[in-house]
Amino acid sequence: MKALNTQFLDDLKAGRPLRLNLGCGRDPKSGYYGVDLVEMDGVDIVADLNAGMSWLPDNSVDEIITFHVFEHIQGFLPLMRELHRVVKPDGRISITVPHFSNVFGFSDPTHVRFFGMYSMFYFVPPEFQPKRKVPVFYTDIRFSIESIFIDFYREGLVDRILGKLMSKLVNRSLDSQHFYEHRLASMYHAREITYVMRPMH
C-alpha cells in the first residue's frame, strides 16, 4: 500500500470513519478515498486488492463502493473476507459489476468472472436466501443483502425505451429477477448488477 493522500493516514491513525472507493480509476467520488492499483490523478491509495487489505484495521471502514472492479479480481473469496473484516457491523458495501448476460464484458481480456443475482447469496445464511438456495460452505463469513438491482443498456433509442421498461419489471422483486435470469437473460441482455450489503457478525 502507498498512501498518496496523507489525510488518509491521519484519519486512519485517529480512528476516524473511513469511506473507500475501490478501483476508483480516474473517477474519484467526493467524500471517499480512492483506491486503485495504478497511481494516477484521483487516486489516494495505491494498493493491489488481490493482495488483501492488511493496511486497514478490523472494523475501520464505514462504507465501501466499487464500480466494475470485482470482475477483475483473481482472489475474489479472500477479498470478500477482507471486506467482512474491515467494514463495521453497521457498515455499507455497494458493489456494481457486469451482469453475466453482458456480451461486451467477454471482450475484456482482464475479466475473470461474471455475476448474477445469486452470486452474493453464497455469503448469506440459508434462512435469509430466496426460494432457490445456494451453498454457503465455501466460506464462513456472512453478509446480509439489502438490495439487488439489475440494470440495462441505455445506448440508442430502442435500449433507452426497453431498458427502462425492463429495469422496472425485472427489479420488482427477487422472484422477478430470478424469472429474468432463468428465462429472459439470453434474449435481452442486462448491462450490470448492483448489490448493497452489510457484514453480519
Foldseek 3Di string as FASTA:
>chain_A
DDFPDCVVVVCQVVLHEAEAEEQCPQPADPPHAYEHCDDDPRHGHHDDLLVAPPVAQFQRYQEYEYAADLQLHPPNVRSVVRCLGRHHQNHKYKYKHFAPLAPVVVVDPSGDDHDAPCPQVLQAPQVQDPPDGDHVPVDDWHKHWPAKFWFADCPDDVCVVVRVVCRVQCRPDPVSSVCCVVPPCNPGPTTMMMIMIGTDD
